Amino acid sequence: MSNKDLIELLKYCSPHIIYVVNGQNRIIKLHTPFKLLVLQDIGDLNMNQIVSCEELKITNEGRIVFYIDGKTYHTYYFDILTI
C-alpha cells in the first residue's frame, strides 16, 4: 500500500473505536480500552489470558493491529470480549 493510499485510509479510521458484530448479530461500537481473550501463546501473552487493547493501529498493508502493553499484535490472535 502506498503512503498516499495509507493516508487516505487513515482519514476514516480512529485509533480508539472499533465496530464489531456481537453474538446477536448486531453491530456494536467499542471504545478503547476493551478486553480481548488471547487464543494462543504469542510474545509475553498466554493462551486464555484476558488483556486490554489500549489503541488500534494500522499496518503499512492496511490491516488493523491491537496495541497492548506497548506492543502491537495481529487481530487473529484474539477474540474481542463484548460482554
PDB file of N, CA and C in Angstrom:
ATOM      1  N   MET A   1       0.850  -1.167   0.000  1.00  0.00           N
ATOM      2  CA  MET A   1       0.000   0.000   0.000  1.00  0.00           C
ATOM      3  C   MET A   1       0.903   1.240   0.000  1.00  0.00           C
ATOM      4  N   SER A   2       0.622   2.163  -0.867  1.00  0.00           N
ATOM      5  CA  SER A   2       1.442   3.366  -0.949  1.00  0.00           C
ATOM      6  C   SER A   2       1.118   4.310   0.216  1.00  0.00           C
ATOM      7  N   ASN A   3       2.024   5.242   0.464  1.00  0.00           N
ATOM      8  CA  ASN A   3       1.787   6.224   1.528  1.00  0.00           C
ATOM      9  C   ASN A   3       0.529   7.033   1.252  1.00  0.00           C
ATOM     10  N   LYS A   4       0.268   7.356   0.003  1.00  0.00           N
ATOM     11  CA  LYS A   4      -0.931   8.109  -0.370  1.00  0.00           C
ATOM     12  C   LYS A   4      -2.185   7.314  -0.026  1.00  0.00           C
ATOM     13  N   ASP A   5      -2.187   6.013  -0.346  1.00  0.00           N
ATOM     14  CA  ASP A   5      -3.325   5.148  -0.019  1.00  0.00           C
ATOM     15  C   ASP A   5      -3.512   5.036   1.491  1.00  0.00           C
ATOM     16  N   LEU A   6      -2.410   4.907   2.213  1.00  0.00           N
ATOM     17  CA  LEU A   6      -2.466   4.791   3.657  1.00  0.00           C
ATOM     18  C   LEU A   6      -3.011   6.066   4.293  1.00  0.00           C
ATOM     19  N   ILE A   7      -2.590   7.206   3.811  1.00  0.00           N
ATOM     20  CA  ILE A   7      -3.093   8.491   4.320  1.00  0.00           C
ATOM     21  C   ILE A   7      -4.589   8.602   4.069  1.00  0.00           C
ATOM     22  N   GLU A   8      -5.038   8.185   2.905  1.00  0.00           N
ATOM     23  CA  GLU A   8      -6.470   8.221   2.588  1.00  0.00           C
ATOM     24  C   GLU A   8      -7.256   7.297   3.513  1.00  0.00           C
ATOM     25  N   LEU A   9      -6.734   6.107   3.768  1.00  0.00           N
ATOM     26  CA  LEU A   9      -7.395   5.155   4.666  1.00  0.00           C
ATOM     27  C   LEU A   9      -7.486   5.704   6.085  1.00  0.00           C
ATOM     28  N   LEU A  10      -6.441   6.337   6.554  1.00  0.00           N
ATOM     29  CA  LEU A  10      -6.406   6.853   7.923  1.00  0.00           C
ATOM     30  C   LEU A  10      -7.407   7.982   8.162  1.00  0.00           C
ATOM     31  N   LYS A  11      -7.894   8.616   7.101  1.00  0.00           N
ATOM     32  CA  LYS A  11      -8.925   9.648   7.246  1.00  0.00           C
ATOM     33  C   LYS A  11     -10.207   9.072   7.846  1.00  0.00           C
ATOM     34  N   TYR A  12     -10.442   7.783   7.617  1.00  0.00           N
ATOM     35  CA  TYR A  12     -11.685   7.155   8.027  1.00  0.00           C
ATOM     36  C   TYR A  12     -11.521   6.217   9.220  1.00  0.00           C
ATOM     37  N   CYS A  13     -10.357   6.219   9.843  1.00  0.00           N
ATOM     38  CA  CYS A  13     -10.074   5.311  10.944  1.00  0.00           C
ATOM     39  C   CYS A  13      -9.857   6.080  12.236  1.00  0.00           C
ATOM     40  N   SER A  14     -10.205   5.441  13.329  1.00  0.00           N
ATOM     41  CA  SER A  14      -9.957   6.016  14.645  1.00  0.00           C
ATOM     42  C   SER A  14      -9.088   5.047  15.441  1.00  0.00           C
ATOM     43  N   PRO A  15      -8.101   5.553  16.160  1.00  0.00           N
ATOM     44  CA  PRO A  15      -7.280   4.665  16.987  1.00  0.00           C
ATOM     45  C   PRO A  15      -7.976   4.235  18.279  1.00  0.00           C
ATOM     46  N   HIS A  16      -9.207   4.731  18.492  1.00  0.00           N
ATOM     47  CA  HIS A  16      -9.891   4.465  19.754  1.00  0.00           C
ATOM     48  C   HIS A  16     -11.267   3.834  19.607  1.00  0.00           C
ATOM     49  N   ILE A  17     -11.710   3.549  18.385  1.00  0.00           N
ATOM     50  CA  ILE A  17     -13.049   2.991  18.164  1.00  0.00           C
ATOM     51  C   ILE A  17     -12.960   1.837  17.172  1.00  0.00           C
ATOM     52  N   ILE A  18     -13.675   0.748  17.484  1.00  0.00           N
ATOM     53  CA  ILE A  18     -13.797  -0.371  16.554  1.00  0.00           C
ATOM     54  C   ILE A  18     -15.256  -0.823  16.549  1.00  0.00           C
ATOM     55  N   TYR A  19     -15.751  -1.191  15.381  1.00  0.00           N
ATOM     56  CA  TYR A  19     -17.098  -1.726  15.253  1.00  0.00           C
ATOM     57  C   TYR A  19     -16.995  -3.237  15.097  1.00  0.00           C
ATOM     58  N   VAL A  20     -17.781  -3.979  15.888  1.00  0.00           N
ATOM     59  CA  VAL A  20     -17.768  -5.438  15.830  1.00  0.00           C
ATOM     60  C   VAL A  20     -19.188  -5.962  15.785  1.00  0.00           C
ATOM     61  N   VAL A  21     -19.338  -7.188  15.308  1.00  0.00           N
ATOM     62  CA  VAL A  21     -20.634  -7.863  15.311  1.00  0.00           C
ATOM     63  C   VAL A  21     -20.667  -8.769  16.545  1.00  0.00           C
ATOM     64  N   ASN A  22     -21.669  -8.577  17.405  1.00  0.00           N
ATOM     65  CA  ASN A  22     -21.741  -9.369  18.638  1.00  0.00           C
ATOM     66  C   ASN A  22     -22.478 -10.688  18.390  1.00  0.00           C
ATOM     67  N   GLY A  23     -22.695 -11.463  19.451  1.00  0.00           N
ATOM     68  CA  GLY A  23     -23.335 -12.773  19.359  1.00  0.00           C
ATOM     69  C   GLY A  23     -24.770 -12.739  18.866  1.00  0.00           C
ATOM     70  N   GLN A  24     -25.420 -11.576  18.965  1.00  0.00           N
ATOM     71  CA  GLN A  24     -26.798 -11.420  18.482  1.00  0.00           C
ATOM     72  C   GLN A  24     -26.835 -10.814  17.076  1.00  0.00           C
ATOM     73  N   ASN A  25     -25.710 -10.853  16.371  1.00  0.00           N
ATOM     74  CA  ASN A  25     -25.575 -10.317  15.011  1.00  0.00           C
ATOM     75  C   ASN A  25     -25.899  -8.822  14.926  1.00  0.00           C
ATOM     76  N   ARG A  26     -25.562  -8.093  15.969  1.00  0.00           N
ATOM     77  CA  ARG A  26     -25.734  -6.645  15.976  1.00  0.00           C
ATOM     78  C   ARG A  26     -24.361  -5.982  15.927  1.00  0.00           C
ATOM     79  N   ILE A  27     -24.295  -4.906  15.202  1.00  0.00           N
ATOM     80  CA  ILE A  27     -23.050  -4.145  15.144  1.00  0.00           C
ATOM     81  C   ILE A  27     -22.988  -3.253  16.373  1.00  0.00           C
ATOM     82  N   ILE A  28     -21.882  -3.365  17.108  1.00  0.00           N
ATOM     83  CA  ILE A  28     -21.705  -2.517  18.276  1.00  0.00           C
ATOM     84  C   ILE A  28     -20.383  -1.753  18.151  1.00  0.00           C
ATOM     85  N   LYS A  29     -20.366  -0.614  18.800  1.00  0.00           N
ATOM     86  CA  LYS A  29     -19.203   0.267  18.772  1.00  0.00           C
ATOM     87  C   LYS A  29     -18.466   0.121  20.095  1.00  0.00           C
ATOM     88  N   LEU A  30     -17.191  -0.269  20.032  1.00  0.00           N
ATOM     89  CA  LEU A  30     -16.382  -0.397  21.235  1.00  0.00           C
ATOM     90  C   LEU A  30     -15.331   0.706  21.260  1.00  0.00           C
ATOM     91  N   HIS A  31     -15.163   1.277  22.431  1.00  0.00           N
ATOM     92  CA  HIS A  31     -14.132   2.298  22.648  1.00  0.00           C
ATOM     93  C   HIS A  31     -12.981   1.664  23.412  1.00  0.00           C
ATOM     94  N   THR A  32     -11.774   2.101  23.114  1.00  0.00           N
ATOM     95  CA  THR A  32     -10.623   1.617  23.867  1.00  0.00           C
ATOM     96  C   THR A  32     -10.640   2.247  25.246  1.00  0.00           C
ATOM     97  N   PRO A  33     -10.162   1.564  26.247  1.00  0.00           N
ATOM     98  CA  PRO A  33      -9.665   0.184  26.196  1.00  0.00           C
ATOM     99  C   PRO A  33     -10.818  -0.823  26.207  1.00  0.00           C
ATOM    100  N   PHE A  34     -10.659  -1.915  25.472  1.00  0.00           N
ATOM    101  CA  PHE A  34     -11.616  -3.015  25.519  1.00  0.00           C
ATOM    102  C   PHE A  34     -10.844  -4.306  25.754  1.00  0.00           C
ATOM    103  N   LYS A  35     -11.563  -5.319  26.223  1.00  0.00           N
ATOM    104  CA  LYS A  35     -10.945  -6.582  26.636  1.00  0.00           C
ATOM    105  C   LYS A  35     -10.853  -7.561  25.471  1.00  0.00           C
ATOM    106  N   LEU A  36      -9.760  -8.329  25.490  1.00  0.00           N
ATOM    107  CA  LEU A  36      -9.507  -9.360  24.492  1.00  0.00           C
ATOM    108  C   LEU A  36      -9.135 -10.661  25.186  1.00  0.00           C
ATOM    109  N   LEU A  37      -9.532 -11.770  24.604  1.00  0.00           N
ATOM    110  CA  LEU A  37      -9.128 -13.091  25.068  1.00  0.00           C
ATOM    111  C   LEU A  37      -8.024 -13.587  24.140  1.00  0.00           C
ATOM    112  N   VAL A  38      -6.891 -13.975  24.695  1.00  0.00           N
ATOM    113  CA  VAL A  38      -5.763 -14.473  23.902  1.00  0.00           C
ATOM    114  C   VAL A  38      -6.067 -15.904  23.470  1.00  0.00           C
ATOM    115  N   LEU A  39      -6.017 -16.188  22.170  1.00  0.00           N
ATOM    116  CA  LEU A  39      -6.372 -17.501  21.631  1.00  0.00           C
ATOM    117  C   LEU A  39      -5.197 -18.476  21.575  1.00  0.00           C
ATOM    118  N   GLN A  40      -3.967 -17.958  21.543  1.00  0.00           N
ATOM    119  CA  GLN A  40      -2.787 -18.815  21.563  1.00  0.00           C
ATOM    120  C   GLN A  40      -1.622 -18.014  22.129  1.00  0.00           C
ATOM    121  N   ASP A  41      -0.629 -18.698  22.626  1.00  0.00           N
ATOM    122  CA  ASP A  41       0.546 -18.013  23.168  1.00  0.00           C
ATOM    123  C   ASP A  41       1.205 -17.176  22.073  1.00  0.00           C
ATOM    124  N   ILE A  42       1.463 -15.920  22.406  1.00  0.00           N
ATOM    125  CA  ILE A  42       2.128 -15.013  21.469  1.00  0.00           C
ATOM    126  C   ILE A  42       2.924 -13.984  22.273  1.00  0.00           C
ATOM    127  N   GLY A  43       4.225 -13.927  22.046  1.00  0.00           N
ATOM    128  CA  GLY A  43       5.068 -12.992  22.790  1.00  0.00           C
ATOM    129  C   GLY A  43       4.982 -13.246  24.288  1.00  0.00           C
ATOM    130  N   ASP A  44       4.695 -12.203  25.045  1.00  0.00           N
ATOM    131  CA  ASP A  44       4.563 -12.310  26.502  1.00  0.00           C
ATOM    132  C   ASP A  44       3.156 -12.717  26.938  1.00  0.00           C
ATOM    133  N   LEU A  45       2.251 -12.929  25.997  1.00  0.00           N
ATOM    134  CA  LEU A  45       0.855 -13.239  26.318  1.00  0.00           C
ATOM    135  C   LEU A  45       0.622 -14.747  26.266  1.00  0.00           C
ATOM    136  N   ASN A  46      -0.227 -15.218  27.172  1.00  0.00           N
ATOM    137  CA  ASN A  46      -0.523 -16.650  27.259  1.00  0.00           C
ATOM    138  C   ASN A  46      -1.958 -16.939  26.838  1.00  0.00           C
ATOM    139  N   MET A  47      -2.162 -18.135  26.295  1.00  0.00           N
ATOM    140  CA  MET A  47      -3.487 -18.575  25.877  1.00  0.00           C
ATOM    141  C   MET A  47      -4.465 -18.455  27.043  1.00  0.00           C
ATOM    142  N   ASN A  48      -5.695 -17.998  26.753  1.00  0.00           N
ATOM    143  CA  ASN A  48      -6.799 -17.807  27.702  1.00  0.00           C
ATOM    144  C   ASN A  48      -6.595 -16.637  28.664  1.00  0.00           C
ATOM    145  N   GLN A  49      -5.554 -15.867  28.477  1.00  0.00           N
ATOM    146  CA  GLN A  49      -5.334 -14.662  29.275  1.00  0.00           C
ATOM    147  C   GLN A  49      -6.252 -13.554  28.746  1.00  0.00           C
ATOM    148  N   ILE A  50      -6.770 -12.735  29.628  1.00  0.00           N
ATOM    149  CA  ILE A  50      -7.563 -11.583  29.224  1.00  0.00           C
ATOM    150  C   ILE A  50      -6.679 -10.354  29.311  1.00  0.00           C
ATOM    151  N   VAL A  51      -6.612  -9.612  28.198  1.00  0.00           N
ATOM    152  CA  VAL A  51      -5.772  -8.419  28.116  1.00  0.00           C
ATOM    153  C   VAL A  51      -6.624  -7.241  27.666  1.00  0.00           C
ATOM    154  N   SER A  52      -6.052  -6.064  27.748  1.00  0.00           N
ATOM    155  CA  SER A  52      -6.758  -4.851  27.381  1.00  0.00           C
ATOM    156  C   SER A  52      -6.079  -4.191  26.183  1.00  0.00           C
ATOM    157  N   CYS A  53      -6.858  -3.908  25.147  1.00  0.00           N
ATOM    158  CA  CYS A  53      -6.346  -3.198  23.973  1.00  0.00           C
ATOM    159  C   CYS A  53      -6.420  -1.706  24.257  1.00  0.00           C
ATOM    160  N   GLU A  54      -5.269  -1.054  24.236  1.00  0.00           N
ATOM    161  CA  GLU A  54      -5.184   0.364  24.555  1.00  0.00           C
ATOM    162  C   GLU A  54      -5.442   1.256  23.346  1.00  0.00           C
ATOM    163  N   GLU A  55      -5.126   0.734  22.165  1.00  0.00           N
ATOM    164  CA  GLU A  55      -5.234   1.544  20.957  1.00  0.00           C
ATOM    165  C   GLU A  55      -5.260   0.626  19.741  1.00  0.00           C
ATOM    166  N   LEU A  56      -5.827   1.112  18.654  1.00  0.00           N
ATOM    167  CA  LEU A  56      -5.831   0.404  17.381  1.00  0.00           C
ATOM    168  C   LEU A  56      -4.849   1.089  16.447  1.00  0.00           C
ATOM    169  N   LYS A  57      -4.106   0.302  15.710  1.00  0.00           N
ATOM    170  CA  LYS A  57      -3.152   0.855  14.755  1.00  0.00           C
ATOM    171  C   LYS A  57      -3.361   0.160  13.413  1.00  0.00           C
ATOM    172  N   ILE A  58      -2.785   0.734  12.362  1.00  0.00           N
ATOM    173  CA  ILE A  58      -2.903   0.158  11.024  1.00  0.00           C
ATOM    174  C   ILE A  58      -1.503  -0.085  10.475  1.00  0.00           C
ATOM    175  N   THR A  59      -1.296  -1.273   9.907  1.00  0.00           N
ATOM    176  CA  THR A  59      -0.004  -1.614   9.317  1.00  0.00           C
ATOM    177  C   THR A  59       0.137  -0.946   7.951  1.00  0.00           C
ATOM    178  N   ASN A  60       1.315  -1.040   7.377  1.00  0.00           N
ATOM    179  CA  ASN A  60       1.551  -0.490   6.036  1.00  0.00           C
ATOM    180  C   ASN A  60       0.725  -1.201   4.974  1.00  0.00           C
ATOM    181  N   GLU A  61       0.243  -2.409   5.298  1.00  0.00           N
ATOM    182  CA  GLU A  61      -0.605  -3.160   4.366  1.00  0.00           C
ATOM    183  C   GLU A  61      -2.082  -2.839   4.558  1.00  0.00           C
ATOM    184  N   GLY A  62      -2.414  -1.969   5.523  1.00  0.00           N
ATOM    185  CA  GLY A  62      -3.798  -1.571   5.759  1.00  0.00           C
ATOM    186  C   GLY A  62      -4.551  -2.486   6.700  1.00  0.00           C
ATOM    187  N   ARG A  63      -3.871  -3.312   7.460  1.00  0.00           N
ATOM    188  CA  ARG A  63      -4.526  -4.222   8.416  1.00  0.00           C
ATOM    189  C   ARG A  63      -4.532  -3.612   9.808  1.00  0.00           C
ATOM    190  N   ILE A  64      -5.603  -3.866  10.550  1.00  0.00           N
ATOM    191  CA  ILE A  64      -5.711  -3.389  11.930  1.00  0.00           C
ATOM    192  C   ILE A  64      -4.885  -4.296  12.831  1.00  0.00           C
ATOM    193  N   VAL A  65      -4.178  -3.701  13.781  1.00  0.00           N
ATOM    194  CA  VAL A  65      -3.467  -4.436  14.825  1.00  0.00           C
ATOM    195  C   VAL A  65      -3.835  -3.829  16.171  1.00  0.00           C
ATOM    196  N   PHE A  66      -3.777  -4.659  17.208  1.00  0.00           N
ATOM    197  CA  PHE A  66      -4.069  -4.205  18.565  1.00  0.00           C
ATOM    198  C   PHE A  66      -2.784  -3.775  19.257  1.00  0.00           C
ATOM    199  N   TYR A  67      -2.829  -2.660  19.963  1.00  0.00           N
ATOM    200  CA  TYR A  67      -1.701  -2.160  20.747  1.00  0.00           C
ATOM    201  C   TYR A  67      -1.952  -2.537  22.197  1.00  0.00           C
ATOM    202  N   ILE A  68      -1.116  -3.441  22.723  1.00  0.00           N
ATOM    203  CA  ILE A  68      -1.291  -3.989  24.069  1.00  0.00           C
ATOM    204  C   ILE A  68       0.044  -3.916  24.796  1.00  0.00           C
ATOM    205  N   ASP A  69       0.058  -3.259  25.930  1.00  0.00           N
ATOM    206  CA  ASP A  69       1.267  -3.148  26.760  1.00  0.00           C
ATOM    207  C   ASP A  69       2.503  -2.729  25.958  1.00  0.00           C
ATOM    208  N   GLY A  70       2.344  -1.743  25.096  1.00  0.00           N
ATOM    209  CA  GLY A  70       3.475  -1.207  24.354  1.00  0.00           C
ATOM    210  C   GLY A  70       3.894  -1.998  23.127  1.00  0.00           C
ATOM    211  N   LYS A  71       3.142  -3.049  22.770  1.00  0.00           N
ATOM    212  CA  LYS A  71       3.477  -3.872  21.602  1.00  0.00           C
ATOM    213  C   LYS A  71       2.242  -4.017  20.718  1.00  0.00           C
ATOM    214  N   THR A  72       2.471  -4.254  19.432  1.00  0.00           N
ATOM    215  CA  THR A  72       1.355  -4.471  18.513  1.00  0.00           C
ATOM    216  C   THR A  72       1.229  -5.956  18.177  1.00  0.00           C
ATOM    217  N   TYR A  73      -0.026  -6.402  18.049  1.00  0.00           N
ATOM    218  CA  TYR A  73      -0.323  -7.803  17.744  1.00  0.00           C
ATOM    219  C   TYR A  73      -1.419  -7.857  16.682  1.00  0.00           C
ATOM    220  N   HIS A  74      -1.312  -8.817  15.772  1.00  0.00           N
ATOM    221  CA  HIS A  74      -2.358  -9.022  14.776  1.00  0.00           C
ATOM    222  C   HIS A  74      -3.640  -9.499  15.448  1.00  0.00           C
ATOM    223  N   THR A  75      -4.757  -9.155  14.844  1.00  0.00           N
ATOM    224  CA  THR A  75      -6.066  -9.416  15.443  1.00  0.00           C
ATOM    225  C   THR A  75      -6.405 -10.899  15.535  1.00  0.00           C
ATOM    226  N   TYR A  76      -5.842 -11.745  14.678  1.00  0.00           N
ATOM    227  CA  TYR A  76      -6.245 -13.162  14.649  1.00  0.00           C
ATOM    228  C   TYR A  76      -5.747 -13.941  15.876  1.00  0.00           C
ATOM    229  N   TYR A  77      -4.971 -13.342  16.741  1.00  0.00           N
ATOM    230  CA  TYR A  77      -4.540 -13.997  17.972  1.00  0.00           C
ATOM    231  C   TYR A  77      -5.525 -13.774  19.122  1.00  0.00           C
ATOM    232  N   PHE A  78      -6.627 -13.056  18.856  1.00  0.00           N
ATOM    233  CA  PHE A  78      -7.518 -12.632  19.933  1.00  0.00           C
ATOM    234  C   PHE A  78      -8.983 -12.810  19.571  1.00  0.00           C
ATOM    235  N   ASP A  79      -9.793 -12.886  20.610  1.00  0.00           N
ATOM    236  CA  ASP A  79     -11.245 -12.831  20.493  1.00  0.00           C
ATOM    237  C   ASP A  79     -11.667 -11.581  21.258  1.00  0.00           C
ATOM    238  N   ILE A  80     -12.448 -10.717  20.644  1.00  0.00           N
ATOM    239  CA  ILE A  80     -12.897  -9.496  21.300  1.00  0.00           C
ATOM    240  C   ILE A  80     -14.032  -9.850  22.249  1.00  0.00           C
ATOM    241  N   LEU A  81     -13.911  -9.443  23.508  1.00  0.00           N
ATOM    242  CA  LEU A  81     -14.944  -9.716  24.508  1.00  0.00           C
ATOM    243  C   LEU A  81     -15.920  -8.547  24.519  1.00  0.00           C
ATOM    244  N   THR A  82     -17.172  -8.837  24.178  1.00  0.00           N
ATOM    245  CA  THR A  82     -18.177  -7.773  24.067  1.00  0.00           C
ATOM    246  C   THR A  82     -19.124  -7.721  25.259  1.00  0.00           C
ATOM    247  N   ILE A  83     -18.981  -8.638  26.182  1.00  0.00           N
ATOM    248  CA  ILE A  83     -19.879  -8.660  27.348  1.00  0.00           C
ATOM    249  C   ILE A  83     -19.165  -8.098  28.546  1.00  0.00           C
TER     250      ILE A  83
END
